[in-house]
C-alpha cells in the first residue's frame, strides 16, 4: 500500500504570528506521519492500494487529519489510532466528502 500525507493550508492565515514556523511544522509533521508513523501500513493488504491522508490546522492551530480516499475500515481505524496517539483530531467537514464512495 502506498501512503501519502499531504499538508493542507486551507484555513491557515498566512499573516498570523509565527505563520512561517507553523507552516514548516505542519510540513514536518506530514513527512513524519508518512515516513515513520504510517510506515507499517505499506505492508498491509491491499498491496496495490493507496491511502491519502490530509493534515491541516483548525482555527485553534490544533493538527487535524482526514483520509481523502476510499480505504478499508481496518486501515481507517489504524490511521485513527495512530493520529489519536499523536494528539491529532479528526477533521470534521460541513460538506459531504465527494471523494468517499458509498458504503
N, C-alpha and C. Protein backbone atom coordinates (compact mmCIF):
# COMPACT_ATOMS: atom_id res chain seq x y z
N UNK A 1 0.85 -1.18 0.00
CA UNK A 1 0.00 0.00 0.00
C UNK A 1 0.89 1.24 0.00
N UNK A 2 0.53 2.18 -0.81
CA UNK A 2 1.27 3.44 -0.88
C UNK A 2 0.60 4.44 0.06
N UNK A 3 1.38 5.04 0.94
CA UNK A 3 0.87 6.01 1.91
C UNK A 3 1.38 7.40 1.54
N UNK A 4 0.45 8.34 1.42
CA UNK A 4 0.80 9.73 1.12
C UNK A 4 0.11 10.64 2.13
N UNK A 5 0.87 11.53 2.74
CA UNK A 5 0.31 12.50 3.68
C UNK A 5 0.56 13.89 3.10
N UNK A 6 -0.51 14.67 2.98
CA UNK A 6 -0.44 16.00 2.37
C UNK A 6 -0.79 17.06 3.40
N UNK A 7 0.06 18.07 3.52
CA UNK A 7 -0.22 19.21 4.40
C UNK A 7 -1.11 20.19 3.63
N UNK A 8 -2.24 20.54 4.21
CA UNK A 8 -3.21 21.44 3.58
C UNK A 8 -3.26 22.74 4.37
N UNK A 9 -3.24 23.82 3.67
CA UNK A 9 -3.24 25.14 4.32
C UNK A 9 -4.50 25.91 3.96
N UNK A 10 -5.68 25.26 3.99
CA UNK A 10 -6.92 25.90 3.56
C UNK A 10 -7.40 27.01 4.48
N UNK A 11 -7.41 26.78 5.77
CA UNK A 11 -7.88 27.81 6.71
C UNK A 11 -6.72 28.48 7.43
N UNK A 12 -5.54 28.24 6.94
CA UNK A 12 -4.34 28.77 7.56
C UNK A 12 -4.18 30.24 7.20
N UNK A 13 -4.02 31.09 8.19
CA UNK A 13 -3.84 32.53 7.97
C UNK A 13 -2.35 32.80 7.77
N UNK A 14 -1.94 33.13 6.54
CA UNK A 14 -0.51 33.36 6.28
C UNK A 14 0.04 34.60 6.97
N UNK A 15 -0.85 35.45 7.49
CA UNK A 15 -0.41 36.67 8.16
C UNK A 15 -0.44 36.52 9.68
N UNK A 16 -0.75 35.33 10.15
CA UNK A 16 -0.79 35.09 11.60
C UNK A 16 0.62 35.15 12.17
N UNK A 17 0.71 35.50 13.45
CA UNK A 17 2.03 35.47 14.08
C UNK A 17 2.61 34.05 13.97
N UNK A 18 3.88 33.97 13.71
CA UNK A 18 4.58 32.70 13.57
C UNK A 18 4.09 31.85 12.40
N UNK A 19 3.51 32.47 11.37
CA UNK A 19 2.96 31.72 10.23
C UNK A 19 4.00 30.84 9.57
N UNK A 20 5.19 31.36 9.39
CA UNK A 20 6.25 30.58 8.74
C UNK A 20 6.61 29.35 9.57
N UNK A 21 6.71 29.52 10.87
CA UNK A 21 7.05 28.42 11.77
C UNK A 21 5.94 27.37 11.76
N UNK A 22 4.68 27.80 11.80
CA UNK A 22 3.56 26.87 11.79
C UNK A 22 3.49 26.09 10.48
N UNK A 23 3.75 26.76 9.37
CA UNK A 23 3.73 26.10 8.07
C UNK A 23 4.84 25.05 7.99
N UNK A 24 6.04 25.41 8.41
CA UNK A 24 7.16 24.47 8.39
C UNK A 24 6.88 23.28 9.32
N UNK A 25 6.27 23.55 10.45
CA UNK A 25 5.94 22.48 11.40
C UNK A 25 4.95 21.51 10.79
N UNK A 26 3.93 22.02 10.12
CA UNK A 26 2.93 21.16 9.52
C UNK A 26 3.54 20.30 8.41
N UNK A 27 4.42 20.87 7.63
CA UNK A 27 5.11 20.10 6.59
C UNK A 27 5.96 19.01 7.22
N UNK A 28 6.65 19.32 8.31
CA UNK A 28 7.47 18.34 9.01
C UNK A 28 6.61 17.23 9.60
N UNK A 29 5.46 17.60 10.20
CA UNK A 29 4.56 16.60 10.77
C UNK A 29 3.99 15.68 9.69
N UNK A 30 3.69 16.24 8.53
CA UNK A 30 3.18 15.42 7.42
C UNK A 30 4.24 14.42 6.97
N UNK A 31 5.45 14.88 6.86
CA UNK A 31 6.55 14.00 6.46
C UNK A 31 6.78 12.90 7.49
N UNK A 32 6.77 13.26 8.75
CA UNK A 32 6.97 12.28 9.83
C UNK A 32 5.83 11.26 9.87
N UNK A 33 4.61 11.74 9.69
CA UNK A 33 3.46 10.84 9.70
C UNK A 33 3.56 9.84 8.55
N UNK A 34 3.95 10.31 7.38
CA UNK A 34 4.06 9.45 6.21
C UNK A 34 5.23 8.47 6.32
N UNK A 35 6.39 8.97 6.67
CA UNK A 35 7.61 8.17 6.61
C UNK A 35 7.89 7.32 7.85
N UNK A 36 7.28 7.67 8.99
CA UNK A 36 7.57 6.95 10.23
C UNK A 36 6.30 6.30 10.79
N UNK A 37 5.34 7.10 11.17
CA UNK A 37 4.18 6.60 11.90
C UNK A 37 3.29 5.68 11.07
N UNK A 38 3.05 6.04 9.81
CA UNK A 38 2.17 5.23 8.97
C UNK A 38 2.94 4.23 8.11
N UNK A 39 4.23 4.12 8.32
CA UNK A 39 5.07 3.20 7.54
C UNK A 39 4.58 1.75 7.61
N UNK A 40 4.11 1.27 8.77
CA UNK A 40 3.62 -0.12 8.82
C UNK A 40 2.46 -0.40 7.87
N UNK A 41 1.72 0.62 7.47
CA UNK A 41 0.60 0.42 6.55
C UNK A 41 1.06 0.01 5.16
N UNK A 42 2.32 0.29 4.83
CA UNK A 42 2.82 -0.04 3.49
C UNK A 42 2.87 -1.54 3.26
N UNK A 43 2.92 -2.32 4.33
CA UNK A 43 2.98 -3.77 4.18
C UNK A 43 1.63 -4.44 4.42
N UNK A 44 0.58 -3.64 4.58
CA UNK A 44 -0.76 -4.20 4.80
C UNK A 44 -1.49 -4.35 3.47
N UNK A 45 -2.35 -5.36 3.37
CA UNK A 45 -3.12 -5.50 2.13
C UNK A 45 -4.19 -4.42 2.04
N UNK A 46 -4.64 -4.01 0.91
CA UNK A 46 -4.23 -4.46 -0.42
C UNK A 46 -2.89 -3.83 -0.81
N UNK A 47 -1.99 -4.65 -1.30
CA UNK A 47 -0.65 -4.18 -1.63
C UNK A 47 -0.64 -3.20 -2.80
N UNK A 48 -1.63 -3.27 -3.67
CA UNK A 48 -1.67 -2.35 -4.81
C UNK A 48 -2.53 -1.12 -4.53
N UNK A 49 -3.01 -0.99 -3.30
CA UNK A 49 -3.86 0.14 -2.94
C UNK A 49 -3.05 1.34 -2.48
N UNK A 50 -3.74 2.43 -2.24
CA UNK A 50 -3.08 3.61 -1.71
C UNK A 50 -4.00 4.30 -0.73
N UNK A 51 -3.38 5.12 0.11
CA UNK A 51 -4.12 5.91 1.09
C UNK A 51 -3.55 7.31 1.08
N UNK A 52 -4.45 8.29 1.05
CA UNK A 52 -4.06 9.69 1.08
C UNK A 52 -4.66 10.30 2.34
N UNK A 53 -3.79 10.87 3.17
CA UNK A 53 -4.22 11.50 4.42
C UNK A 53 -3.91 12.98 4.33
N UNK A 54 -4.91 13.81 4.59
CA UNK A 54 -4.70 15.25 4.66
C UNK A 54 -4.52 15.64 6.12
N UNK A 55 -3.55 16.52 6.39
CA UNK A 55 -3.46 17.12 7.71
C UNK A 55 -3.45 18.63 7.54
N UNK A 56 -3.98 19.30 8.53
CA UNK A 56 -4.10 20.75 8.49
C UNK A 56 -4.22 21.26 9.92
N UNK A 57 -4.34 22.55 10.05
CA UNK A 57 -4.64 23.16 11.34
C UNK A 57 -6.11 23.55 11.36
N UNK A 58 -6.73 23.47 12.53
CA UNK A 58 -8.05 24.06 12.67
C UNK A 58 -7.85 25.52 13.08
N UNK A 59 -8.93 26.21 13.41
CA UNK A 59 -8.82 27.63 13.74
C UNK A 59 -8.05 27.89 15.04
N UNK A 60 -7.91 26.86 15.87
CA UNK A 60 -7.16 26.99 17.11
C UNK A 60 -5.75 26.42 16.98
N UNK A 61 -5.33 26.16 15.73
CA UNK A 61 -3.99 25.64 15.40
C UNK A 61 -3.71 24.26 15.98
N UNK A 62 -4.77 23.49 16.15
CA UNK A 62 -4.62 22.08 16.50
C UNK A 62 -4.50 21.29 15.21
N UNK A 63 -3.64 20.30 15.18
CA UNK A 63 -3.48 19.50 13.97
C UNK A 63 -4.68 18.57 13.84
N UNK A 64 -5.24 18.53 12.64
CA UNK A 64 -6.37 17.67 12.36
C UNK A 64 -6.05 16.82 11.14
N UNK A 65 -6.75 15.73 10.98
CA UNK A 65 -6.48 14.80 9.88
C UNK A 65 -7.78 14.27 9.30
N UNK A 66 -7.68 13.79 8.05
CA UNK A 66 -8.77 13.06 7.43
C UNK A 66 -8.22 12.23 6.27
N UNK A 67 -8.88 11.16 5.98
CA UNK A 67 -8.49 10.31 4.86
C UNK A 67 -9.25 10.81 3.64
N UNK A 68 -8.51 11.01 2.55
CA UNK A 68 -9.09 11.64 1.37
C UNK A 68 -9.62 10.65 0.34
N UNK A 69 -9.35 9.37 0.50
CA UNK A 69 -9.82 8.40 -0.49
C UNK A 69 -10.49 7.22 0.20
N UNK A 70 -11.06 6.35 -0.59
CA UNK A 70 -11.74 5.16 -0.08
C UNK A 70 -10.72 4.12 0.36
N UNK A 71 -10.80 3.69 1.61
CA UNK A 71 -9.92 2.65 2.14
C UNK A 71 -10.75 1.68 2.97
N UNK A 72 -10.25 0.47 3.17
CA UNK A 72 -10.97 -0.48 4.03
C UNK A 72 -11.07 0.05 5.47
N UNK A 73 -12.07 -0.43 6.18
CA UNK A 73 -12.32 0.03 7.55
C UNK A 73 -11.13 -0.20 8.48
N UNK A 74 -10.45 -1.34 8.32
CA UNK A 74 -9.33 -1.63 9.23
C UNK A 74 -8.17 -0.66 9.01
N UNK A 75 -8.00 -0.16 7.80
CA UNK A 75 -6.97 0.85 7.53
C UNK A 75 -7.38 2.17 8.17
N UNK A 76 -8.64 2.53 8.01
CA UNK A 76 -9.14 3.78 8.59
C UNK A 76 -9.01 3.76 10.11
N UNK A 77 -9.29 2.64 10.74
CA UNK A 77 -9.16 2.51 12.19
C UNK A 77 -7.70 2.61 12.63
N UNK A 78 -6.80 2.03 11.85
CA UNK A 78 -5.38 2.10 12.18
C UNK A 78 -4.86 3.53 12.09
N UNK A 79 -5.26 4.25 11.04
CA UNK A 79 -4.86 5.66 10.90
C UNK A 79 -5.43 6.48 12.05
N UNK A 80 -6.69 6.23 12.40
CA UNK A 80 -7.32 6.96 13.51
C UNK A 80 -6.57 6.71 14.81
N UNK A 81 -6.17 5.47 15.04
CA UNK A 81 -5.44 5.12 16.26
C UNK A 81 -4.08 5.84 16.31
N UNK A 82 -3.36 5.80 15.21
CA UNK A 82 -2.03 6.43 15.16
C UNK A 82 -2.15 7.94 15.34
N UNK A 83 -3.10 8.56 14.67
CA UNK A 83 -3.28 10.01 14.80
C UNK A 83 -3.73 10.40 16.20
N UNK A 84 -4.57 9.57 16.83
CA UNK A 84 -5.02 9.85 18.19
C UNK A 84 -3.84 9.80 19.16
N UNK A 85 -2.94 8.84 18.96
CA UNK A 85 -1.75 8.75 19.81
C UNK A 85 -0.88 10.00 19.69
N UNK A 86 -0.89 10.63 18.52
CA UNK A 86 -0.11 11.84 18.31
C UNK A 86 -0.85 13.10 18.79
N UNK A 87 -2.11 12.95 19.17
CA UNK A 87 -2.88 14.09 19.65
C UNK A 87 -3.58 14.86 18.54
N UNK A 88 -3.63 14.28 17.34
CA UNK A 88 -4.32 14.92 16.22
C UNK A 88 -5.82 14.63 16.35
N UNK A 89 -6.63 15.58 15.90
CA UNK A 89 -8.08 15.41 15.96
C UNK A 89 -8.63 15.09 14.57
N UNK A 90 -9.80 14.47 14.56
CA UNK A 90 -10.45 14.14 13.29
C UNK A 90 -10.92 15.43 12.63
N UNK A 91 -10.69 15.55 11.35
CA UNK A 91 -11.07 16.72 10.57
C UNK A 91 -12.53 16.56 10.19
N UNK A 92 -13.38 17.30 10.85
CA UNK A 92 -14.81 17.25 10.56
C UNK A 92 -15.15 18.33 9.56
N UNK A 93 -15.88 17.96 8.53
CA UNK A 93 -16.25 18.92 7.50
C UNK A 93 -17.76 19.13 7.51
N UNK A 94 -18.19 20.28 7.04
CA UNK A 94 -19.62 20.58 6.97
C UNK A 94 -20.19 20.13 5.64
N UNK A 95 -19.33 19.81 4.67
CA UNK A 95 -19.80 19.35 3.37
C UNK A 95 -19.57 17.85 3.25
N UNK A 96 -20.27 17.25 2.34
CA UNK A 96 -20.10 15.82 2.09
C UNK A 96 -18.79 15.63 1.34
N UNK A 97 -18.01 14.66 1.78
CA UNK A 97 -16.73 14.38 1.12
C UNK A 97 -17.03 13.70 -0.21
N UNK A 98 -16.73 14.38 -1.29
CA UNK A 98 -17.03 13.88 -2.62
C UNK A 98 -16.11 12.74 -3.02
N UNK A 99 -14.97 12.58 -2.35
CA UNK A 99 -14.04 11.53 -2.72
C UNK A 99 -14.39 10.18 -2.12
N UNK A 100 -15.16 10.16 -1.07
CA UNK A 100 -15.54 8.90 -0.42
C UNK A 100 -16.63 8.22 -1.24
N UNK A 101 -16.53 6.93 -1.40
CA UNK A 101 -17.55 6.16 -2.11
C UNK A 101 -18.70 5.82 -1.18
N UNK A 102 -19.74 5.27 -1.76
CA UNK A 102 -20.90 4.85 -0.96
C UNK A 102 -20.58 3.53 -0.29
N UNK A 103 -21.02 3.37 0.94
CA UNK A 103 -20.78 2.12 1.68
C UNK A 103 -21.80 1.08 1.34
